[in-house]
């Protein structure tokens, strides 16, 4: 059986004579609900239940959209109001907060077979960080390994990039000069010697600020240097692999 819609012929008014639905079938009034009122299915089971808050000023709006645009849930009422998701005991499960004049946000995308879903920083700014802030002495716990998707590289002299977590060095001669700019406090970077033009090649990294030295030399193929940046001391060497050396 095809779905049916209720059509109002003529006007519908409330007990006080206020018009609720006009003669064209357009709803023009307010639908008043009390706590516990619900929209039910054909079997009388609740699909949507309403809870009333005294002197409420904030509420949910729903907007339909045009082709290619997702429909929108809107936090209506006071400025910069977000959404709270709670369980049946009114305990917070998820809070979506909002700030004034925000331009950047998170986008969650599903994925096809063989790929993982994506949590991405999106917005108006060209470069947008993703901030994860534990409370108090809490930690960020990752169940699984950390994989750096951005691996930078140089061949011969040049600059060690600080946009990725791993920088691969290919030498073209002896003493290839590499520079390393200051990073961001807490940033980790690993430089690895992955290829050489000929045996005996070396690469010399000269950071703008290096705690406990001036240069880091990658002497042999397979050498590595694990670094962390501090705003007070510059780059600190956490570990050297192979014949890498600090001077």
C-alpha atoms as a PDB file:
ATOM      1  CA  UNK A   1       0.000   0.000   0.000  1.00  0.00           C
ATOM      2  CA  UNK A   2       1.319   3.439  -0.913  1.00  0.00           C
ATOM      3  CA  UNK A   3       2.134   5.894   1.878  1.00  0.00           C
ATOM      4  CA  UNK A   4      -0.627   8.345   2.646  1.00  0.00           C
ATOM      5  CA  UNK A   5      -0.468  11.941   3.844  1.00  0.00           C
ATOM      6  CA  UNK A   6      -3.020  13.703   6.000  1.00  0.00           C
ATOM      7  CA  UNK A   7      -4.579  16.581   4.086  1.00  0.00           C
ATOM      8  CA  UNK A   8      -6.406  19.322   5.925  1.00  0.00           C
ATOM      9  CA  UNK A   9      -9.330  20.871   4.066  1.00  0.00           C
ATOM     10  CA  UNK A  10     -10.263  24.172   5.584  1.00  0.00           C
ATOM     11  CA  UNK A  11      -8.708  25.800   8.648  1.00  0.00           C
ATOM     12  CA  UNK A  12      -7.737  24.221  11.958  1.00  0.00           C
ATOM     13  CA  UNK A  13      -7.801  26.365  15.056  1.00  0.00           C
ATOM     14  CA  UNK A  14      -6.995  25.853  18.733  1.00  0.00           C
ATOM     15  CA  UNK A  15      -9.643  26.189  21.472  1.00  0.00           C
ATOM     16  CA  UNK A  16      -8.965  29.924  21.661  1.00  0.00           C
ATOM     17  CA  UNK A  17      -9.652  30.372  17.973  1.00  0.00           C
ATOM     18  CA  UNK A  18      -6.005  30.842  16.961  1.00  0.00           C
ATOM     19  CA  UNK A  19      -5.283  29.522  13.492  1.00  0.00           C
ATOM     20  CA  UNK A  20      -2.976  26.454  13.436  1.00  0.00           C
ATOM     21  CA  UNK A  21      -3.352  25.298   9.841  1.00  0.00           C
ATOM     22  CA  UNK A  22      -4.581  27.609   7.118  1.00  0.00           C
ATOM     23  CA  UNK A  23      -6.913  26.732   4.255  1.00  0.00           C
ATOM     24  CA  UNK A  24      -3.943  25.728   2.068  1.00  0.00           C
ATOM     25  CA  UNK A  25      -2.785  23.116   4.560  1.00  0.00           C
ATOM     26  CA  UNK A  26       0.178  25.148   5.846  1.00  0.00           C
ATOM     27  CA  UNK A  27       1.033  24.864   9.527  1.00  0.00           C
ATOM     28  CA  UNK A  28       1.111  28.392  10.938  1.00  0.00           C
ATOM     29  CA  UNK A  29       0.918  27.861  14.685  1.00  0.00           C
ATOM     30  CA  UNK A  30       2.926  26.223  17.462  1.00  0.00           C
ATOM     31  CA  UNK A  31       2.491  22.581  18.403  1.00  0.00           C
ATOM     32  CA  UNK A  32       2.461  22.466  22.198  1.00  0.00           C
ATOM     33  CA  UNK A  33       3.905  19.393  23.908  1.00  0.00           C
ATOM     34  CA  UNK A  34       4.360  18.328  27.512  1.00  0.00           C
ATOM     35  CA  UNK A  35       7.167  16.221  28.994  1.00  0.00           C
ATOM     36  CA  UNK A  36       6.675  12.617  27.968  1.00  0.00           C
ATOM     37  CA  UNK A  37       4.719  13.429  24.818  1.00  0.00           C
ATOM     38  CA  UNK A  38       5.987  11.356  21.914  1.00  0.00           C
ATOM     39  CA  UNK A  39       5.721  10.627  18.235  1.00  0.00           C
ATOM     40  CA  UNK A  40       4.887   6.934  17.892  1.00  0.00           C
ATOM     41  CA  UNK A  41       4.950   4.360  15.108  1.00  0.00           C
ATOM     42  CA  UNK A  42       1.973   2.400  13.775  1.00  0.00           C
ATOM     43  CA  UNK A  43       2.287  -0.035  16.710  1.00  0.00           C
ATOM     44  CA  UNK A  44       2.265   2.728  19.300  1.00  0.00           C
ATOM     45  CA  UNK A  45       5.998   2.478  20.077  1.00  0.00           C
ATOM     46  CA  UNK A  46       7.842   5.729  20.788  1.00  0.00           C
ATOM     47  CA  UNK A  47      10.029   7.022  17.960  1.00  0.00           C
ATOM     48  CA  UNK A  48      10.697  10.497  19.383  1.00  0.00           C
ATOM     49  CA  UNK A  49       9.974  11.638  22.930  1.00  0.00           C
ATOM     50  CA  UNK A  50       9.953  15.201  24.233  1.00  0.00           C
ATOM     51  CA  UNK A  51      11.257  16.493  27.565  1.00  0.00           C
ATOM     52  CA  UNK A  52      10.263  19.982  28.638  1.00  0.00           C
ATOM     53  CA  UNK A  53      12.602  22.328  30.533  1.00  0.00           C
ATOM     54  CA  UNK A  54      11.117  25.254  32.453  1.00  0.00           C
ATOM     55  CA  UNK A  55      12.014  28.680  31.000  1.00  0.00           C
ATOM     56  CA  UNK A  56      13.955  27.068  28.139  1.00  0.00           C
ATOM     57  CA  UNK A  57      15.706  29.391  25.688  1.00  0.00           C
ATOM     58  CA  UNK A  58      17.712  26.939  23.538  1.00  0.00           C
ATOM     59  CA  UNK A  59      16.294  24.341  21.180  1.00  0.00           C
ATOM     60  CA  UNK A  60      17.007  22.241  18.107  1.00  0.00           C
ATOM     61  CA  UNK A  61      16.322  23.387  14.567  1.00  0.00           C
ATOM     62  CA  UNK A  62      16.322  21.251  11.434  1.00  0.00           C
ATOM     63  CA  UNK A  63      17.035  22.616   7.975  1.00  0.00           C
ATOM     64  CA  UNK A  64      16.562  20.850   4.675  1.00  0.00           C
ATOM     65  CA  UNK A  65      19.011  21.703   1.883  1.00  0.00           C
ATOM     66  CA  UNK A  66      19.478  21.671  -1.853  1.00  0.00           C
ATOM     67  CA  UNK A  67      21.241  19.237  -4.156  1.00  0.00           C
ATOM     68  CA  UNK A  68      24.694  18.155  -2.978  1.00  0.00           C
ATOM     69  CA  UNK A  69      24.318  19.634   0.517  1.00  0.00           C
ATOM     70  CA  UNK A  70      23.658  17.610   3.679  1.00  0.00           C
ATOM     71  CA  UNK A  71      20.636  18.511   5.835  1.00  0.00           C
ATOM     72  CA  UNK A  72      21.484  20.465   8.978  1.00  0.00           C
ATOM     73  CA  UNK A  73      20.779  20.170  12.698  1.00  0.00           C
ATOM     74  CA  UNK A  74      20.940  23.657  14.232  1.00  0.00           C
ATOM     75  CA  UNK A  75      21.456  24.645  17.874  1.00  0.00           C
ATOM     76  CA  UNK A  76      18.935  27.488  18.098  1.00  0.00           C
ATOM     77  CA  UNK A  77      18.580  30.088  20.846  1.00  0.00           C
ATOM     78  CA  UNK A  78      21.575  31.696  22.534  1.00  0.00           C
ATOM     79  CA  UNK A  79      24.672  32.489  20.486  1.00  0.00           C
ATOM     80  CA  UNK A  80      27.430  29.869  20.248  1.00  0.00           C
ATOM     81  CA  UNK A  81      25.342  27.039  21.657  1.00  0.00           C
ATOM     82  CA  UNK A  82      26.413  23.453  20.932  1.00  0.00           C
ATOM     83  CA  UNK A  83      24.876  20.027  21.495  1.00  0.00           C
ATOM     84  CA  UNK A  84      24.983  17.635  24.463  1.00  0.00           C
ATOM     85  CA  UNK A  85      24.349  13.910  23.999  1.00  0.00           C
ATOM     86  CA  UNK A  86      23.362  12.091  27.201  1.00  0.00           C
ATOM     87  CA  UNK A  87      22.326   8.546  28.143  1.00  0.00           C
ATOM     88  CA  UNK A  88      19.113   7.422  29.820  1.00  0.00           C
ATOM     89  CA  UNK A  89      20.495   8.582  33.203  1.00  0.00           C
ATOM     90  CA  UNK A  90      21.199  12.091  31.848  1.00  0.00           C
ATOM     91  CA  UNK A  91      24.969  11.423  31.993  1.00  0.00           C
ATOM     92  CA  UNK A  92      27.073  13.095  29.313  1.00  0.00           C
ATOM     93  CA  UNK A  93      28.256  10.816  26.503  1.00  0.00           C
ATOM     94  CA  UNK A  94      29.362  13.464  23.991  1.00  0.00           C
ATOM     95  CA  UNK A  95      29.510  17.264  24.124  1.00  0.00           C
ATOM     96  CA  UNK A  96      29.773  19.299  20.928  1.00  0.00           C
ATOM     97  CA  UNK A  97      30.918  22.715  22.093  1.00  0.00           C
ATOM     98  CA  UNK A  98      31.053  25.924  20.083  1.00  0.00           C
ATOM     99  CA  UNK A  99      33.035  29.152  20.208  1.00  0.00           C
ATOM    100  CA  UNK A 100      32.373  32.578  18.750  1.00  0.00           C
ATOM    101  CA  UNK A 101      33.366  33.240  15.133  1.00  0.00           C
ATOM    102  CA  UNK A 102      34.637  29.671  14.640  1.00  0.00           C
ATOM    103  CA  UNK A 103      35.863  28.878  11.121  1.00  0.00           C
ATOM    104  CA  UNK A 104      37.510  25.459  11.549  1.00  0.00           C
ATOM    105  CA  UNK A 105      35.954  22.137  12.487  1.00  0.00           C
ATOM    106  CA  UNK A 106      36.281  18.353  12.416  1.00  0.00           C
ATOM    107  CA  UNK A 107      34.829  16.268   9.598  1.00  0.00           C
ATOM    108  CA  UNK A 108      34.234  12.525  10.034  1.00  0.00           C
ATOM    109  CA  UNK A 109      34.086  10.502   6.819  1.00  0.00           C
ATOM    110  CA  UNK A 110      33.178   6.869   6.310  1.00  0.00           C
ATOM    111  CA  UNK A 111      35.317   4.665   4.073  1.00  0.00           C
ATOM    112  CA  UNK A 112      34.954   1.842   1.586  1.00  0.00           C
ATOM    113  CA  UNK A 113      36.287  -1.685   2.063  1.00  0.00           C
ATOM    114  CA  UNK A 114      40.014  -1.749   2.754  1.00  0.00           C
ATOM    115  CA  UNK A 115      40.239   1.828   4.046  1.00  0.00           C
ATOM    116  CA  UNK A 116      39.812   3.354   7.481  1.00  0.00           C
ATOM    117  CA  UNK A 117      37.307   6.110   8.316  1.00  0.00           C
ATOM    118  CA  UNK A 118      38.772   9.613   8.496  1.00  0.00           C
ATOM    119  CA  UNK A 119      38.734  12.232  11.234  1.00  0.00           C
ATOM    120  CA  UNK A 120      39.916  15.375   9.437  1.00  0.00           C
ATOM    121  CA  UNK A 121      40.504  19.027  10.310  1.00  0.00           C
ATOM    122  CA  UNK A 122      38.588  21.186   7.848  1.00  0.00           C
ATOM    123  CA  UNK A 123      37.669  24.855   7.625  1.00  0.00           C
ATOM    124  CA  UNK A 124      38.659  28.221   6.211  1.00  0.00           C
ATOM    125  CA  UNK A 125      42.304  28.288   7.371  1.00  0.00           C
ATOM    126  CA  UNK A 126      44.975  26.818   5.082  1.00  0.00           C
ATOM    127  CA  UNK A 127      46.706  24.900   7.895  1.00  0.00           C
ATOM    128  CA  UNK A 128      44.531  23.501  10.685  1.00  0.00           C
ATOM    129  CA  UNK A 129      45.817  21.496  13.672  1.00  0.00           C
ATOM    130  CA  UNK A 130      43.867  18.765  15.443  1.00  0.00           C
ATOM    131  CA  UNK A 131      44.128  19.282  19.210  1.00  0.00           C
ATOM    132  CA  UNK A 132      43.585  16.392  21.633  1.00  0.00           C
ATOM    133  CA  UNK A 133      43.571  17.690  25.205  1.00  0.00           C
ATOM    134  CA  UNK A 134      43.486  15.183  28.105  1.00  0.00           C
ATOM    135  CA  UNK A 135      42.175  16.484  31.436  1.00  0.00           C
ATOM    136  CA  UNK A 136      44.596  17.016  34.312  1.00  0.00           C
ATOM    137  CA  UNK A 137      47.287  14.328  34.340  1.00  0.00           C
ATOM    138  CA  UNK A 138      45.436  12.222  31.773  1.00  0.00           C
ATOM    139  CA  UNK A 139      47.219  10.803  28.720  1.00  0.00           C
ATOM    140  CA  UNK A 140      46.406  10.219  25.078  1.00  0.00           C
ATOM    141  CA  UNK A 141      46.264   6.420  24.692  1.00  0.00           C
ATOM    142  CA  UNK A 142      46.547   4.854  21.248  1.00  0.00           C
ATOM    143  CA  UNK A 143      45.510   1.247  20.758  1.00  0.00           C
ATOM    144  CA  UNK A 144      47.843   0.362  17.900  1.00  0.00           C
ATOM    145  CA  UNK A 145      50.973   1.692  16.254  1.00  0.00           C
ATOM    146  CA  UNK A 146      51.570   5.262  15.090  1.00  0.00           C
ATOM    147  CA  UNK A 147      52.163   5.605  11.350  1.00  0.00           C
ATOM    148  CA  UNK A 148      53.402   8.891   9.871  1.00  0.00           C
ATOM    149  CA  UNK A 149      51.602   9.427   6.589  1.00  0.00           C
ATOM    150  CA  UNK A 150      53.821  12.379   5.593  1.00  0.00           C
ATOM    151  CA  UNK A 151      57.439  11.349   4.989  1.00  0.00           C
ATOM    152  CA  UNK A 152      59.706  14.089   3.628  1.00  0.00           C
ATOM    153  CA  UNK A 153      63.025  13.678   1.834  1.00  0.00           C
ATOM    154  CA  UNK A 154      66.099  15.393   0.434  1.00  0.00           C
ATOM    155  CA  UNK A 155      68.702  14.347  -2.099  1.00  0.00           C
ATOM    156  CA  UNK A 156      72.042  16.068  -1.568  1.00  0.00           C
ATOM    157  CA  UNK A 157      72.230  19.405   0.220  1.00  0.00           C
ATOM    158  CA  UNK A 158      69.014  21.073   1.348  1.00  0.00           C
ATOM    159  CA  UNK A 159      66.664  21.533   4.282  1.00  0.00           C
ATOM    160  CA  UNK A 160      65.298  18.847   6.575  1.00  0.00           C
ATOM    161  CA  UNK A 161      61.535  19.418   6.477  1.00  0.00           C
ATOM    162  CA  UNK A 162      59.682  19.729   9.775  1.00  0.00           C
ATOM    163  CA  UNK A 163      56.195  19.055   8.387  1.00  0.00           C
ATOM    164  CA  UNK A 164      56.397  15.263   8.753  1.00  0.00           C
ATOM    165  CA  UNK A 165      57.521  12.807  11.386  1.00  0.00           C
ATOM    166  CA  UNK A 166      60.201  11.108   9.289  1.00  0.00           C
ATOM    167  CA  UNK A 167      62.759  12.703   6.955  1.00  0.00           C
ATOM    168  CA  UNK A 168      64.648  10.446   4.538  1.00  0.00           C
ATOM    169  CA  UNK A 169      68.148  11.507   3.516  1.00  0.00           C
ATOM    170  CA  UNK A 170      69.788  10.514   0.238  1.00  0.00           C
ATOM    171  CA  UNK A 171      73.387  11.651  -0.157  1.00  0.00           C
ATOM    172  CA  UNK A 172      75.133  12.660  -3.370  1.00  0.00           C
ATOM    173  CA  UNK A 173      78.598  13.281  -1.944  1.00  0.00           C
ATOM    174  CA  UNK A 174      80.711  13.688   1.173  1.00  0.00           C
ATOM    175  CA  UNK A 175      79.436  16.203   3.727  1.00  0.00           C
ATOM    176  CA  UNK A 176      76.084  17.049   2.122  1.00  0.00           C
ATOM    177  CA  UNK A 177      74.948  20.129   4.096  1.00  0.00           C
ATOM    178  CA  UNK A 178      71.445  19.931   5.567  1.00  0.00           C
ATOM    179  CA  UNK A 179      69.751  22.632   7.625  1.00  0.00           C
ATOM    180  CA  UNK A 180      67.066  22.073  10.263  1.00  0.00           C
ATOM    181  CA  UNK A 181      64.802  24.932  11.357  1.00  0.00           C
ATOM    182  CA  UNK A 182      63.345  25.261  14.853  1.00  0.00           C
ATOM    183  CA  UNK A 183      60.220  23.229  15.405  1.00  0.00           C
ATOM    184  CA  UNK A 184      57.200  23.378  17.693  1.00  0.00           C
ATOM    185  CA  UNK A 185      57.460  22.521  21.401  1.00  0.00           C
ATOM    186  CA  UNK A 186      57.004  18.775  21.832  1.00  0.00           C
ATOM    187  CA  UNK A 187      57.533  17.969  18.157  1.00  0.00           C
ATOM    188  CA  UNK A 188      59.226  14.648  17.319  1.00  0.00           C
ATOM    189  CA  UNK A 189      61.326  14.114  14.182  1.00  0.00           C
ATOM    190  CA  UNK A 190      63.450  11.224  12.972  1.00  0.00           C
ATOM    191  CA  UNK A 191      66.084  11.675  10.236  1.00  0.00           C
ATOM    192  CA  UNK A 192      67.106   8.446   8.492  1.00  0.00           C
ATOM    193  CA  UNK A 193      69.909   7.831   5.975  1.00  0.00           C
ATOM    194  CA  UNK A 194      68.188   5.708   3.304  1.00  0.00           C
ATOM    195  CA  UNK A 195      70.325   5.951   0.147  1.00  0.00           C
ATOM    196  CA  UNK A 196      73.719   7.145  -1.066  1.00  0.00           C
ATOM    197  CA  UNK A 197      75.305   8.080  -4.343  1.00  0.00           C
ATOM    198  CA  UNK A 198      78.518   6.244  -3.522  1.00  0.00           C
ATOM    199  CA  UNK A 199      80.198   4.530  -0.578  1.00  0.00           C
ATOM    200  CA  UNK A 200      81.762   6.988   1.837  1.00  0.00           C
ATOM    201  CA  UNK A 201      79.107   9.670   1.410  1.00  0.00           C
ATOM    202  CA  UNK A 202      77.972  11.551   4.517  1.00  0.00           C
ATOM    203  CA  UNK A 203      75.323  14.090   5.480  1.00  0.00           C
ATOM    204  CA  UNK A 204      75.816  16.856   8.053  1.00  0.00           C
ATOM    205  CA  UNK A 205      72.654  18.305   9.642  1.00  0.00           C
ATOM    206  CA  UNK A 206      73.036  21.759  11.196  1.00  0.00           C
ATOM    207  CA  UNK A 207      69.981  22.691  13.287  1.00  0.00           C
ATOM    208  CA  UNK A 208      69.241  26.332  13.998  1.00  0.00           C
ATOM    209  CA  UNK A 209      69.247  25.357  17.685  1.00  0.00           C
ATOM    210  CA  UNK A 210      70.713  22.051  18.898  1.00  0.00           C
ATOM    211  CA  UNK A 211      70.987  21.273  22.609  1.00  0.00           C
ATOM    212  CA  UNK A 212      74.412  19.872  23.476  1.00  0.00           C
ATOM    213  CA  UNK A 213      76.048  20.410  20.115  1.00  0.00           C
ATOM    214  CA  UNK A 214      76.094  22.114  16.749  1.00  0.00           C
ATOM    215  CA  UNK A 215      75.817  19.384  14.099  1.00  0.00           C
ATOM    216  CA  UNK A 216      74.544  15.852  13.579  1.00  0.00           C
ATOM    217  CA  UNK A 217      76.458  13.713  11.096  1.00  0.00           C
ATOM    218  CA  UNK A 218      74.983  10.671   9.358  1.00  0.00           C
ATOM    219  CA  UNK A 219      78.095   8.705   8.460  1.00  0.00           C
ATOM    220  CA  UNK A 220      76.852   5.375   7.123  1.00  0.00           C
ATOM    221  CA  UNK A 221      73.861   4.144   5.176  1.00  0.00           C
ATOM    222  CA  UNK A 222      71.198   3.154   7.708  1.00  0.00           C
ATOM    223  CA  UNK A 223      72.153   5.787  10.312  1.00  0.00           C
ATOM    224  CA  UNK A 224      69.342   7.607  12.088  1.00  0.00           C
ATOM    225  CA  UNK A 225      68.749  10.396  14.573  1.00  0.00           C
ATOM    226  CA  UNK A 226      65.636  10.698  16.763  1.00  0.00           C
ATOM    227  CA  UNK A 227      64.896  14.273  17.890  1.00  0.00           C
ATOM    228  CA  UNK A 228      62.420  16.184  20.041  1.00  0.00           C
ATOM    229  CA  UNK A 229      62.021  19.975  20.082  1.00  0.00           C
ATOM    230  CA  UNK A 230      61.878  22.100  23.239  1.00  0.00           C
ATOM    231  CA  UNK A 231      61.100  25.825  23.203  1.00  0.00           C
ATOM    232  CA  UNK A 232      63.831  26.393  25.805  1.00  0.00           C
ATOM    233  CA  UNK A 233      66.681  24.278  24.402  1.00  0.00           C
ATOM    234  CA  UNK A 234      65.915  23.671  20.743  1.00  0.00           C
ATOM    235  CA  UNK A 235      66.292  20.178  19.253  1.00  0.00           C
ATOM    236  CA  UNK A 236      67.321  17.472  21.721  1.00  0.00           C
ATOM    237  CA  UNK A 237      68.792  14.191  20.529  1.00  0.00           C
ATOM    238  CA  UNK A 238      66.826  11.290  22.006  1.00  0.00           C
ATOM    239  CA  UNK A 239      68.826   8.623  20.258  1.00  0.00           C
ATOM    240  CA  UNK A 240      71.356   7.905  17.513  1.00  0.00           C
ATOM    241  CA  UNK A 241      71.314   4.855  15.280  1.00  0.00           C
ATOM    242  CA  UNK A 242      74.341   3.251  13.662  1.00  0.00           C
ATOM    243  CA  UNK A 243      77.380   5.504  13.320  1.00  0.00           C
ATOM    244  CA  UNK A 244      75.487   8.812  13.570  1.00  0.00           C
ATOM    245  CA  UNK A 245      77.300  11.341  15.754  1.00  0.00           C
ATOM    246  CA  UNK A 246      76.709  14.729  17.404  1.00  0.00           C
ATOM    247  CA  UNK A 247      79.436  17.363  17.477  1.00  0.00           C
END
